[in-house]
Amino acid sequence: MPGFVVSQTNPRAFPTIADAAKASGPSGEQLRHIAVEPGVYRSDTLRYWGNAVITAVGGPGTVTLDCAGSYTLRVEGHVTLRGLTLRNGNAEGVPLEAAGGTLIVEQCEFVTKSSRAISVWNRAELFVRDSRVHGGGIVYSDSAGLVEHTEVFNPDLCGIAIRNGSRVTVRDCRVQRAGEHGIWVAEGSTPLIEHCEIEGSKAASILAQGRAKATVRDSRLRTSGQSNFVVRDNASATVEDCVVTGSGADGVWVTANATLTARSVRIEDGRRNGVVVDELSTAAFEDCDITQAAVCGLAVSGSGTARFTGGTITKSQIGASAANEGVLTLDGAKVSHNKNIGVAVDPGTRVVLRDCTITGNAGQGIVTTAGSQVRMERVSSEANGAEDIIGVDIGGTADSNVATTAAPPEPVAKSGAAAPETSSAAPEPGVDELLAELSAMVGLAGVKREIGKLVGLLRIAEQRRQAGLPHGPAIGRHMVFAGAPGTGKTTVARLYGKLLAALGVVPTGQFTEVSRTELVGQVLGETTQKTAAVFTKALGGVLFIDEAYTLSRRFGTGTDFGQEAIDTLVKLMEDHRDEIVVIVAGYSAEMRTFLTANPGLKSRISRTIEFENYSPAELTSITETLAGQYGFRFTEQAQASLLTHFQRVRRDETFGNGREARRIFEAVVEQHALRLSGQDGPATAEELTLLLPEDLDGVVDTGLSTRMGEVRDAGQLQALLDRLNGMIGLEAVKSQVRDTIDLIAATRRRRQEGLDAAPISSHLIFAGPPGTGKTTVARLYGELLAALGVLARGHFIEASRADLVGQYLGQTTQKTTARFDEARGGVLFIDEVYTLSRQFGANADFGQEAIDTLVKLMEDHRDEVVVIVAGYTDEMNGFLAANPGLASRFSRTIAFAPYGPDELVEIFVGIAESSGFDVPDGTRAAIRDHVTGRTEKFDQGNGREIRKLFEAAQTAHARRIAQLERGGSQATRDQLRTLLPTDVEETR
């Protein structure tokens, strides 16, 4: 091996890898071999452009590269790493980056405090084998590679993220306890995931979205905090020979126009449903088994379509269900031993049961309702707990809009005789039916008015044409749908296409949805081809471009082809102006900028429809509608709490609107299932459908000013007060905390009597030197407010300047908001808060940005978080002057006086006795002498210094006992327990 040796002991070697990398080598050198001898190498960031093999000569684990910079090692050439440990202690730092070329990693270990342990982009290739990753994840973006025989533990966000068109194989890997998703696949990426184990993710084990195409084989997905396997947002996935078990919500969720094909997959132990297919998605299951879901084994709704061929659905409350225009086919399936109904069919759905066995269910075998379409062929329904088949419209009309009122047909023979086949193709809905569907949507008054106006104009234009009159000026059909996410833009666009087809404006009304990924290529000319292909496919209907503003943004410093897509669209819209309708969608401000990207855009897309945020009442209605679709209903008190939450929630541009309503509903149903699973005996039918206020706990926060109900636990409240009163000293502090509790109790009584009561601000300032009990009292205060029913949780989040202040403009707002959100429902305690108002160094300091962000958050969420700020008394005045709104946010200042000598002695004795020591009078006198002889030290440190004194005395005691026993004597029990004056005096 050529002589590039790195060593901490060999004087002839290079001291660091950076030195070896920079050294000149033999003329014509193509590949540099760098051998690193054992040791921990701490250095600045290292960036390497060349071709090299870097090897730990002592084997894996013998060489550690340690850095606290933005990255430990960045590779932009062709590099192989073998046996190295890369560590980065920066909360934003990355141990390894690949920014180009090819990187091979073998038998390495990565440790980080940030969300990324390995990051690869810019079309680089990364191959990781036989390695371990701790604390962060592996992130691929616009890149390719392989992760094999590798373990990822406790990643802060995602274990493996595959984004932006990346092509990656993940094989024989294990991902454990991810902070969000085990594996996240997005933005057109095409991974193969096989022979993997993903366990303990707080969100999904695998999430595929954004037109990704994922293939998953022979893998185990276990114990996720939310739905275990999620396919959404136009993504597609193929899953084979897998086990999905222990889901916090649904085992498999296919939503938002996604596609799933599953073969030989076992889905079990979902805390909500086994499988959900909704929101225009499609799923096909072959020889799969769904079992032990808390609610429904297979649920299809929201115009979703599912085909279940072969396989079994067992041991859930309901085996399979169809609701809200869902389409379900069970072919050769066995639905058995469910705790209630085998197959449940709601109005407006289409269900085909063919060659199925419905048996051994505790309730009915099959339940249908008027307005549903059920076709049964060779179905055996028997040995169920109630009537095998009840309902109407079995084998009846195919028009789901017609409710059947005739008497139920004759029961289907148990031998499996087929029902009569009388269905035919459903007619396309007319204009009035489509307008009625639009009108039935929650909210969107302005949108409905604009669409109605446009339909009226088109109708009159058609009447003029039929009367032989001039058509009049052309009516602009292309539109901008502007507004926040989750406001129904996609749903309305789809409906608008059907309206135009019904009016004869476009031939078919087909709906084609695309985003930047489908339009923009990576080389010159590719974008024109991709855009033209998408446009041609959409001819005759509606082309819907979501987040269209991304086409006019520039990404990175290289050539970007978004503008090429815009220019191509403008020309195609002119060439085919009567054959297609184009709708572009996105945030309002961003779309105004987008329309300036080409001079022809505004003239071709002349109409903008604003989609406003849903009102709190509308969001409540949407949540209740979702509940009704799945057979749930909220009590009046739960509805009121839901409404209060939506009234108080912050509405920034990222607020999810309808998506947020769905998220809340899913979380509430999860809480409901958890509540019922913890009670003795089976739940009643009423309990299975009723959502109570306690199911909203931790999901929504109704705020301090409205949560003045009964005390949650009087015993706990008294125990907490006893702990407060039992603290040494702090009489003024105890008095003020008791005053606050009395004020809350009085406010509660006034409201119970129907009297006006002003909202209570519970934010506090704790002023005083360190070691005077501020943190302990703050933690106890949060627990007291929770016991009083004022705070949702009462948990304690402690923060300092480092947790709130970033290093560049905008980062501070993100960090402060994240910490604040973490504390919602509890106490945010900011120690030494005055450091935020100090200027550090000559460069820009972002402490003021943290203060300003904090003031706004305290106003926006004044009833959700108690903020306690702490610090020296004099310094706190400077902090309060940093923002005009600060002083008014805090209801009172509580002064923490220094402990006196007698109190410090009591604290010492309390610590000692809790540790199993006796402190006789002589020792107490020695402690007092020690404290009074060091007044300045104990004025500054107080409780912290007295704890240090105890630890020093404990050490002196241990030394004394050891000397005694080395002298041949055996220490007695009393000697082992008793601290003597000499133990204190030795600490001087």
Foldseek 3Di string as FASTA:
>chain_A
DPPAEAEPPDPVHNPDVLVSQPDDDDPPDQEAEYEYEFDEAEDEAEEHEGHYEYEDVVAAPRYEYEYADQERYEYAEHYEYGRYEFEYEHQNHEDYEYEHYEYEYENYEFYYNYQHHYEYEPAYEYEYECYEYEQYAYEYANYEYEHYNYEYEARAAERYEHEHAYEYEYYLYEYEQHAAEPYEYEQAHEYEYENYEYENHQYEPYEYEHQYEYEYEQYEFYAYNAAHAEYEHAYEYEYENYEFENHLFEPYEYEHAYEYEYEAYEFEHHLAEPYEFAHNYEYEYYQYEFEHYAAEHYEYEHLYEYEYEEYEFEAYQERYEYFHAGEYEYHLYEQEHYAEERYEYEQNYEYEYENYEQEHYAYESYEYEWLYEYWFAQYAFDHYNYHNYDYARYLHEPASVDGDDDDHDDDDDNRRHTDDNDYDDYDQDALVVLLVVVVPAFDPPQVSVVLVVLLVLLLVLVVCVVVVHDSPDDDQQAAEEAAFAQLCPVVVQLSSQSNCCNSVQFPPQDEAEDEPSQQWDDDPPVNLVSLVVSVVVQWRHEYEYEPLLVLVDDDDDDDGCSLVSVVSVLVVCVVRVRGYYYYYYYHPVSVVVVCVSDPSSCVNHVYYGYRYARQLVSLLVLLQVVLVRSQAHEDPVLSVLSSLQRVQDDDDRNDNRSVLSVVLSSQLSSLLSVVQVPDPDHDDPNSNHYRYNVSCQVSGDNFLQPQLDAQQDPVQLVVLLVVVVPQFDQPLVNVVLVVVVVLSPVQSVCVVVVHDDDGDQQAEEEAAFAQLCPVVVQLSSLVNCVRSRRFSPAHEQEEEPVQQWDDDPPVNLVSLVVSVVVQFRHEYEYEPLLVLLDDDDDDDGCSLVSVVSVLVVCVSRVGGYHYYYYDHPVSVVSVCVSDVRRVVSHPYYRYRAADDLVSLLVLLQVVLVVVQADEDPQLSVLSSVVCVVPVVVCSRHPNNVSVVLSVQLLVLLVVVQVVCVVVPDHDDPNSNRYRHSVSNVVVD
